[in-house]
Every structure is written in structure tokens, then in C-alpha cells.
């Protein structure tokens, strides 16, 4: 699985923790930035990550900002991107099983490092259930 990863300045420190986890898990990823805590506009990071997922260059994406909201709004503008803002394990699991989400957003100012890493693990390792859920995801695709 190839993962596109990015954050703005508000999510930079958590993104670095997620990077360490991905490296330890030997997962293939690309860091789209930002590369410091200097202020940047979240769409400048969300757009290339969402484009990479939308175009199929990466199977999944992870975006982090202060709240996760701006990244989620931006990413969901792209065809075939189903970005889910998750701050708990249940939502991370459910959005993979039921929505086949392919982009995870989180807020560094909302959750702690340990919970965020558990969310990433659950989200990356949960399979889509298909069936009636596929029918529903296809209805979403029809309006794109």
C-alpha cells in the first residue's frame, strides 16, 4: 500500500510521529510536507495529497492539521476521495468498513499522539466490508 502523507504547521509534529510509525511498520509513503512549524495554508498541502489519491497514484492518504477539519473539507472536493475526520478508534474502523475511506484526517490540537497512532493503525489495517456498504459508496460516487 502506498500512502500520501501531509500536514500544515499545526499538524507538523503529529505528522512526524506518524512518519516514524510508518517507517517502523515498513510502509511505503511519501511526505508531501510541510517540513517545519512555519505557517502554511492547509489547502497547499491537502490539494497535492488528495490529487495523488484521486488519481490512484497512492491508495491512501493521511492529512493532519490543527483540527483536521480544513484538510477534510479540502480533500473531499476531489473525485474518488473519501476523506474521514477521525478522533476515535470506532470512527476510524467504521469509516473503513462502511465508507471505504481512502484518506484519513486528524487534528493535532484535538487528540494526543498515542491515540492518533492507534487511529492510524486501525484505519490502515481495517478492510472495507463491501456488500450493502458498496452500494452506498457507489451512490456517493454517482454525485461526483
N, C-alpha and C. Protein backbone atom coordinates (compact mmCIF):
# COMPACT_ATOMS: atom_id res chain seq x y z
N UNK A 1 0.84 -1.18 0.00
CA UNK A 1 0.00 0.00 0.00
C UNK A 1 0.89 1.24 0.00
N UNK A 2 0.58 2.18 -0.88
CA UNK A 2 1.30 3.45 -0.94
C UNK A 2 0.45 4.51 -0.26
N UNK A 3 1.08 5.28 0.62
CA UNK A 3 0.38 6.27 1.42
C UNK A 3 0.95 7.66 1.15
N UNK A 4 0.06 8.62 0.85
CA UNK A 4 0.43 10.02 0.72
C UNK A 4 0.20 10.68 2.07
N UNK A 5 1.19 11.39 2.57
CA UNK A 5 1.15 11.97 3.91
C UNK A 5 1.41 13.46 3.84
N UNK A 6 0.66 14.23 4.63
CA UNK A 6 0.91 15.66 4.66
C UNK A 6 0.30 16.33 5.87
N UNK A 7 0.80 17.53 6.15
CA UNK A 7 0.27 18.33 7.25
C UNK A 7 0.57 19.80 6.99
N UNK A 8 -0.18 20.63 7.68
CA UNK A 8 0.21 22.04 7.74
C UNK A 8 1.05 22.21 9.01
N UNK A 9 1.36 23.45 9.35
CA UNK A 9 2.20 23.71 10.52
C UNK A 9 1.54 23.23 11.82
N UNK A 10 0.21 23.29 11.89
CA UNK A 10 -0.49 22.87 13.08
C UNK A 10 -0.47 21.36 13.31
N UNK A 11 -0.19 20.62 12.26
CA UNK A 11 -0.13 19.16 12.36
C UNK A 11 1.25 18.59 12.15
N UNK A 12 2.23 19.46 12.00
CA UNK A 12 3.59 19.01 11.67
C UNK A 12 4.15 18.01 12.68
N UNK A 13 4.05 18.31 13.96
CA UNK A 13 4.66 17.43 14.96
C UNK A 13 3.99 16.05 14.98
N UNK A 14 2.68 16.01 14.84
CA UNK A 14 2.00 14.72 14.79
C UNK A 14 2.33 13.97 13.50
N UNK A 15 2.46 14.70 12.41
CA UNK A 15 2.84 14.06 11.14
C UNK A 15 4.19 13.37 11.29
N UNK A 16 5.10 14.00 11.97
CA UNK A 16 6.42 13.40 12.18
C UNK A 16 6.31 12.11 12.99
N UNK A 17 5.41 12.06 13.95
CA UNK A 17 5.17 10.83 14.73
C UNK A 17 4.57 9.75 13.84
N UNK A 18 3.63 10.13 12.99
CA UNK A 18 3.01 9.17 12.06
C UNK A 18 4.07 8.64 11.09
N UNK A 19 4.96 9.50 10.63
CA UNK A 19 6.05 9.06 9.76
C UNK A 19 6.90 8.00 10.43
N UNK A 20 7.24 8.23 11.68
CA UNK A 20 8.05 7.24 12.41
C UNK A 20 7.32 5.89 12.49
N UNK A 21 6.02 5.96 12.76
CA UNK A 21 5.23 4.71 12.79
C UNK A 21 5.26 4.01 11.43
N UNK A 22 5.03 4.76 10.36
CA UNK A 22 5.02 4.16 9.02
C UNK A 22 6.37 3.55 8.67
N UNK A 23 7.44 4.21 9.05
CA UNK A 23 8.78 3.68 8.81
C UNK A 23 9.02 2.39 9.60
N UNK A 24 8.62 2.39 10.88
CA UNK A 24 8.78 1.20 11.71
C UNK A 24 7.95 0.03 11.18
N UNK A 25 6.79 0.34 10.62
CA UNK A 25 5.90 -0.69 10.07
C UNK A 25 6.30 -1.06 8.63
N UNK A 26 7.37 -0.42 8.13
CA UNK A 26 7.88 -0.65 6.78
C UNK A 26 6.82 -0.42 5.72
N UNK A 27 6.06 0.67 5.89
CA UNK A 27 5.03 1.04 4.93
C UNK A 27 5.60 2.06 3.95
N UNK A 28 5.15 1.96 2.72
CA UNK A 28 5.59 2.83 1.65
C UNK A 28 4.79 4.14 1.69
N UNK A 29 5.48 5.26 1.89
CA UNK A 29 4.79 6.54 1.96
C UNK A 29 5.64 7.63 1.33
N UNK A 30 4.97 8.74 1.00
CA UNK A 30 5.65 9.95 0.57
C UNK A 30 5.15 11.10 1.43
N UNK A 31 6.06 11.89 1.95
CA UNK A 31 5.74 13.07 2.74
C UNK A 31 5.61 14.26 1.79
N UNK A 32 4.40 14.81 1.69
CA UNK A 32 4.13 15.94 0.82
C UNK A 32 4.35 17.27 1.53
N UNK A 33 4.84 17.24 2.78
CA UNK A 33 5.09 18.47 3.52
C UNK A 33 3.96 18.74 4.49
N UNK A 34 4.06 19.78 5.18
CA UNK A 34 5.10 20.75 5.32
C UNK A 34 6.26 20.16 6.11
N UNK A 35 7.37 20.84 6.09
CA UNK A 35 8.59 20.29 6.67
C UNK A 35 9.11 21.07 7.86
N UNK A 36 8.23 21.89 8.45
CA UNK A 36 8.59 22.66 9.65
C UNK A 36 7.30 23.18 10.29
N UNK A 37 7.46 23.90 11.37
CA UNK A 37 6.29 24.51 12.03
C UNK A 37 6.02 25.92 11.52
N UNK A 38 6.72 26.34 10.47
CA UNK A 38 6.45 27.64 9.87
C UNK A 38 5.06 27.62 9.24
N UNK A 39 4.32 28.69 9.39
CA UNK A 39 2.94 28.77 8.93
C UNK A 39 2.81 28.54 7.42
N UNK A 40 1.88 27.67 7.06
CA UNK A 40 1.50 27.43 5.67
C UNK A 40 -0.02 27.33 5.60
N UNK A 41 -0.57 27.45 4.42
CA UNK A 41 -2.01 27.32 4.23
C UNK A 41 -2.34 25.85 3.99
N UNK A 42 -3.25 25.30 4.79
CA UNK A 42 -3.55 23.87 4.70
C UNK A 42 -3.96 23.39 3.31
N UNK A 43 -4.68 24.20 2.49
CA UNK A 43 -5.01 23.69 1.15
C UNK A 43 -3.77 23.41 0.30
N UNK A 44 -2.68 24.14 0.56
CA UNK A 44 -1.46 23.94 -0.23
C UNK A 44 -0.86 22.55 0.00
N UNK A 45 -1.19 21.92 1.09
CA UNK A 45 -0.74 20.56 1.37
C UNK A 45 -1.83 19.55 1.00
N UNK A 46 -3.07 19.87 1.38
CA UNK A 46 -4.18 18.95 1.13
C UNK A 46 -4.40 18.69 -0.35
N UNK A 47 -4.24 19.70 -1.17
CA UNK A 47 -4.52 19.54 -2.60
C UNK A 47 -3.60 18.50 -3.25
N UNK A 48 -2.28 18.58 -3.13
CA UNK A 48 -1.47 17.56 -3.79
C UNK A 48 -1.67 16.15 -3.21
N UNK A 49 -1.93 16.05 -1.91
CA UNK A 49 -2.18 14.73 -1.32
C UNK A 49 -3.48 14.16 -1.87
N UNK A 50 -4.54 14.96 -1.86
CA UNK A 50 -5.83 14.50 -2.36
C UNK A 50 -5.77 14.18 -3.86
N UNK A 51 -5.04 14.99 -4.62
CA UNK A 51 -4.87 14.70 -6.05
C UNK A 51 -4.18 13.35 -6.26
N UNK A 52 -3.17 13.08 -5.47
CA UNK A 52 -2.43 11.82 -5.60
C UNK A 52 -3.33 10.62 -5.30
N UNK A 53 -4.21 10.75 -4.33
CA UNK A 53 -5.16 9.68 -4.02
C UNK A 53 -6.23 9.61 -5.10
N UNK A 54 -6.75 10.74 -5.50
CA UNK A 54 -7.79 10.81 -6.53
C UNK A 54 -7.34 10.17 -7.84
N UNK A 55 -6.10 10.41 -8.21
CA UNK A 55 -5.57 9.90 -9.48
C UNK A 55 -5.07 8.46 -9.37
N UNK A 56 -5.12 7.89 -8.17
CA UNK A 56 -4.73 6.49 -7.99
C UNK A 56 -3.23 6.27 -7.84
N UNK A 57 -2.48 7.35 -7.74
CA UNK A 57 -1.03 7.22 -7.55
C UNK A 57 -0.72 6.64 -6.17
N UNK A 58 -1.59 6.95 -5.20
CA UNK A 58 -1.48 6.44 -3.83
C UNK A 58 -2.83 5.84 -3.45
N UNK A 59 -2.81 4.69 -2.78
CA UNK A 59 -4.06 4.04 -2.38
C UNK A 59 -4.73 4.77 -1.22
N UNK A 60 -3.92 5.34 -0.33
CA UNK A 60 -4.45 6.01 0.85
C UNK A 60 -3.69 7.30 1.10
N UNK A 61 -4.32 8.18 1.86
CA UNK A 61 -3.69 9.42 2.27
C UNK A 61 -3.98 9.71 3.73
N UNK A 62 -3.08 10.43 4.36
CA UNK A 62 -3.26 10.89 5.73
C UNK A 62 -2.89 12.38 5.77
N UNK A 63 -3.83 13.19 6.25
CA UNK A 63 -3.60 14.63 6.36
C UNK A 63 -3.86 15.07 7.80
N UNK A 64 -3.00 15.95 8.30
CA UNK A 64 -3.10 16.41 9.67
C UNK A 64 -2.96 17.94 9.71
N UNK A 65 -3.88 18.56 10.39
CA UNK A 65 -3.77 19.99 10.67
C UNK A 65 -4.14 20.20 12.13
N UNK A 66 -4.44 21.41 12.53
CA UNK A 66 -4.76 21.66 13.93
C UNK A 66 -6.01 20.91 14.38
N UNK A 67 -7.05 20.95 13.55
CA UNK A 67 -8.31 20.28 13.90
C UNK A 67 -8.64 19.10 13.00
N UNK A 68 -8.06 19.05 11.81
CA UNK A 68 -8.40 18.03 10.82
C UNK A 68 -9.54 18.47 9.92
N UNK A 69 -10.23 19.52 10.29
CA UNK A 69 -11.43 19.95 9.56
C UNK A 69 -11.08 20.53 8.19
N UNK A 70 -10.16 21.49 8.16
CA UNK A 70 -9.80 22.12 6.89
C UNK A 70 -9.26 21.12 5.88
N UNK A 71 -8.43 20.22 6.36
CA UNK A 71 -7.88 19.19 5.48
C UNK A 71 -9.00 18.30 4.93
N UNK A 72 -9.95 17.93 5.78
CA UNK A 72 -11.05 17.08 5.36
C UNK A 72 -11.92 17.77 4.30
N UNK A 73 -12.26 19.01 4.56
CA UNK A 73 -13.08 19.77 3.61
C UNK A 73 -12.39 19.85 2.26
N UNK A 74 -11.12 20.18 2.27
CA UNK A 74 -10.37 20.32 1.01
C UNK A 74 -10.27 18.99 0.28
N UNK A 75 -9.87 17.94 0.99
CA UNK A 75 -9.66 16.64 0.34
C UNK A 75 -10.94 16.10 -0.27
N UNK A 76 -12.07 16.34 0.37
CA UNK A 76 -13.33 15.80 -0.14
C UNK A 76 -13.84 16.51 -1.39
N UNK A 77 -13.15 17.50 -1.85
CA UNK A 77 -13.50 18.15 -3.12
C UNK A 77 -13.05 17.33 -4.33
N UNK A 78 -12.21 16.33 -4.11
CA UNK A 78 -11.60 15.58 -5.21
C UNK A 78 -12.36 14.29 -5.50
N UNK A 79 -12.51 14.01 -6.78
CA UNK A 79 -13.19 12.80 -7.24
C UNK A 79 -12.52 11.56 -6.66
N UNK A 80 -13.33 10.64 -6.23
CA UNK A 80 -12.89 9.35 -5.69
C UNK A 80 -12.13 9.46 -4.37
N UNK A 81 -12.16 10.61 -3.72
CA UNK A 81 -11.57 10.74 -2.39
C UNK A 81 -12.71 10.72 -1.38
N UNK A 82 -12.56 9.85 -0.42
CA UNK A 82 -13.50 9.77 0.70
C UNK A 82 -12.69 10.00 1.97
N UNK A 83 -12.55 11.28 2.31
CA UNK A 83 -11.74 11.67 3.47
C UNK A 83 -12.62 11.63 4.71
N UNK A 84 -12.07 11.02 5.77
CA UNK A 84 -12.80 10.90 7.03
C UNK A 84 -11.99 11.53 8.15
N UNK A 85 -12.62 12.43 8.86
CA UNK A 85 -12.02 13.05 10.03
C UNK A 85 -12.29 12.14 11.22
N UNK A 86 -11.23 11.62 11.82
CA UNK A 86 -11.37 10.66 12.93
C UNK A 86 -10.56 11.09 14.13
N UNK A 87 -11.22 11.06 15.28
CA UNK A 87 -10.55 11.34 16.54
C UNK A 87 -10.81 10.25 17.57
N UNK A 88 -11.32 9.10 17.10
CA UNK A 88 -11.54 7.96 17.98
C UNK A 88 -11.41 6.67 17.16
N UNK A 89 -11.18 5.58 17.84
CA UNK A 89 -10.94 4.29 17.18
C UNK A 89 -12.18 3.75 16.48
N UNK A 90 -13.35 3.93 17.09
CA UNK A 90 -14.58 3.44 16.49
C UNK A 90 -14.80 4.07 15.11
N UNK A 91 -14.65 5.38 15.02
CA UNK A 91 -14.85 6.07 13.74
C UNK A 91 -13.83 5.63 12.70
N UNK A 92 -12.59 5.44 13.13
CA UNK A 92 -11.54 5.01 12.20
C UNK A 92 -11.87 3.64 11.61
N UNK A 93 -12.34 2.74 12.45
CA UNK A 93 -12.70 1.40 11.98
C UNK A 93 -13.96 1.45 11.12
N UNK A 94 -14.96 2.15 11.58
CA UNK A 94 -16.24 2.21 10.86
C UNK A 94 -16.10 2.85 9.49
N UNK A 95 -15.29 3.89 9.39
CA UNK A 95 -15.18 4.57 8.09
C UNK A 95 -14.47 3.71 7.05
N UNK A 96 -13.62 2.81 7.49
CA UNK A 96 -13.01 1.85 6.56
C UNK A 96 -14.00 0.75 6.20
N UNK A 97 -14.67 0.19 7.21
CA UNK A 97 -15.60 -0.92 6.98
C UNK A 97 -16.81 -0.49 6.17
N UNK A 98 -17.36 0.68 6.45
CA UNK A 98 -18.63 1.09 5.86
C UNK A 98 -18.50 2.08 4.72
N UNK A 99 -17.49 2.94 4.75
CA UNK A 99 -17.37 4.01 3.76
C UNK A 99 -16.22 3.83 2.80
N UNK A 100 -15.39 2.84 3.03
CA UNK A 100 -14.19 2.62 2.22
C UNK A 100 -13.38 3.91 2.10
N UNK A 101 -13.25 4.62 3.23
CA UNK A 101 -12.49 5.87 3.20
C UNK A 101 -11.06 5.58 2.76
N UNK A 102 -10.54 6.49 1.97
CA UNK A 102 -9.17 6.33 1.48
C UNK A 102 -8.26 7.47 1.89
N UNK A 103 -8.79 8.36 2.70
CA UNK A 103 -7.98 9.45 3.21
C UNK A 103 -8.42 9.75 4.64
N UNK A 104 -7.48 9.73 5.55
CA UNK A 104 -7.73 9.97 6.97
C UNK A 104 -7.26 11.37 7.31
N UNK A 105 -8.09 12.13 8.03
CA UNK A 105 -7.64 13.42 8.55
C UNK A 105 -7.77 13.40 10.07
N UNK A 106 -6.85 14.09 10.71
CA UNK A 106 -6.83 14.19 12.16
C UNK A 106 -6.37 15.59 12.57
N UNK A 107 -6.70 15.95 13.81
CA UNK A 107 -6.30 17.25 14.35
C UNK A 107 -5.31 17.09 15.48
N UNK A 108 -4.12 17.62 15.28
CA UNK A 108 -3.06 17.54 16.30
C UNK A 108 -3.46 18.25 17.58
N UNK A 109 -4.25 19.29 17.47
CA UNK A 109 -4.66 20.06 18.65
C UNK A 109 -5.88 19.45 19.33
N UNK A 110 -6.38 18.35 18.78
CA UNK A 110 -7.59 17.72 19.29
C UNK A 110 -7.29 16.42 20.03
N UNK A 111 -6.33 15.66 19.52
CA UNK A 111 -6.04 14.35 20.12
C UNK A 111 -4.56 14.25 20.46
N UNK A 112 -4.24 13.34 21.33
CA UNK A 112 -2.86 13.09 21.70
C UNK A 112 -2.17 12.16 20.73
N UNK A 113 -0.86 12.12 20.83
CA UNK A 113 -0.02 11.31 19.95
C UNK A 113 -0.40 9.84 20.00
N UNK A 114 -0.53 9.27 21.19
CA UNK A 114 -0.78 7.83 21.32
C UNK A 114 -2.08 7.43 20.66
N UNK A 115 -3.16 8.20 20.92
CA UNK A 115 -4.44 7.91 20.30
C UNK A 115 -4.35 8.05 18.79
N UNK A 116 -3.69 9.09 18.32
CA UNK A 116 -3.54 9.30 16.88
C UNK A 116 -2.86 8.12 16.21
N UNK A 117 -1.81 7.61 16.83
CA UNK A 117 -1.11 6.46 16.25
C UNK A 117 -1.98 5.22 16.25
N UNK A 118 -2.79 5.03 17.27
CA UNK A 118 -3.72 3.90 17.30
C UNK A 118 -4.77 4.05 16.20
N UNK A 119 -5.25 5.27 15.99
CA UNK A 119 -6.22 5.53 14.91
C UNK A 119 -5.60 5.17 13.57
N UNK A 120 -4.37 5.60 13.33
CA UNK A 120 -3.69 5.29 12.07
C UNK A 120 -3.59 3.78 11.89
N UNK A 121 -3.18 3.06 12.92
CA UNK A 121 -3.05 1.59 12.84
C UNK A 121 -4.38 0.94 12.48
N UNK A 122 -5.43 1.32 13.20
CA UNK A 122 -6.76 0.74 12.94
C UNK A 122 -7.21 1.06 11.53
N UNK A 123 -7.07 2.32 11.14
CA UNK A 123 -7.54 2.76 9.82
C UNK A 123 -6.78 2.05 8.69
N UNK A 124 -5.48 1.90 8.84
CA UNK A 124 -4.69 1.24 7.80
C UNK A 124 -4.95 -0.26 7.73
N UNK A 125 -5.34 -0.87 8.83
CA UNK A 125 -5.47 -2.33 8.87
C UNK A 125 -6.90 -2.84 8.83
N UNK A 126 -7.87 -1.97 8.63
CA UNK A 126 -9.27 -2.38 8.55
C UNK A 126 -9.69 -2.45 7.09
N UNK A 127 -10.33 -3.55 6.74
CA UNK A 127 -10.79 -3.77 5.37
C UNK A 127 -12.22 -3.26 5.19
N UNK A 128 -12.54 -2.87 3.97
CA UNK A 128 -13.89 -2.48 3.58
C UNK A 128 -14.77 -3.73 3.55
N UNK A 129 -15.97 -3.64 4.10
CA UNK A 129 -16.87 -4.78 4.15
C UNK A 129 -17.60 -5.05 2.84
N UNK A 130 -17.72 -4.05 1.98
CA UNK A 130 -18.43 -4.27 0.72
C UNK A 130 -19.92 -4.50 0.96
N UNK A 131 -20.53 -5.34 0.11
CA UNK A 131 -21.95 -5.65 0.26
C UNK A 131 -22.83 -4.42 0.21
N UNK A 132 -23.74 -4.30 1.17
CA UNK A 132 -24.65 -3.15 1.20
C UNK A 132 -23.88 -1.85 1.31
N UNK A 133 -22.69 -1.90 1.90
CA UNK A 133 -21.88 -0.69 2.03
C UNK A 133 -21.34 -0.24 0.67
N UNK A 134 -21.01 -1.20 -0.18
CA UNK A 134 -20.54 -0.86 -1.54
C UNK A 134 -21.64 -0.15 -2.32
N UNK A 135 -22.87 -0.59 -2.15
CA UNK A 135 -24.00 0.06 -2.82
C UNK A 135 -24.07 1.53 -2.40
N UNK A 136 -23.86 1.78 -1.14
CA UNK A 136 -23.94 3.14 -0.62
C UNK A 136 -22.77 3.99 -1.09
N UNK A 137 -21.57 3.41 -1.11
CA UNK A 137 -20.41 4.14 -1.62
C UNK A 137 -20.60 4.46 -3.10
N UNK A 138 -21.17 3.53 -3.85
CA UNK A 138 -21.43 3.79 -5.27
C UNK A 138 -22.41 4.94 -5.47
N UNK A 139 -23.36 5.10 -4.57
CA UNK A 139 -24.29 6.24 -4.66
C UNK A 139 -23.55 7.55 -4.44
N UNK A 140 -22.55 7.54 -3.56
CA UNK A 140 -21.72 8.73 -3.37
C UNK A 140 -20.95 9.04 -4.64
N UNK A 141 -20.39 8.00 -5.26
CA UNK A 141 -19.61 8.20 -6.48
C UNK A 141 -20.45 8.79 -7.61
N UNK A 142 -21.74 8.45 -7.63
CA UNK A 142 -22.63 8.95 -8.69
C UNK A 142 -22.77 10.47 -8.67
N UNK A 143 -22.59 11.10 -7.52
CA UNK A 143 -22.76 12.56 -7.45
C UNK A 143 -21.45 13.31 -7.66
N UNK A 144 -20.35 12.60 -7.83
CA UNK A 144 -19.06 13.28 -8.01
C UNK A 144 -18.95 13.90 -9.39
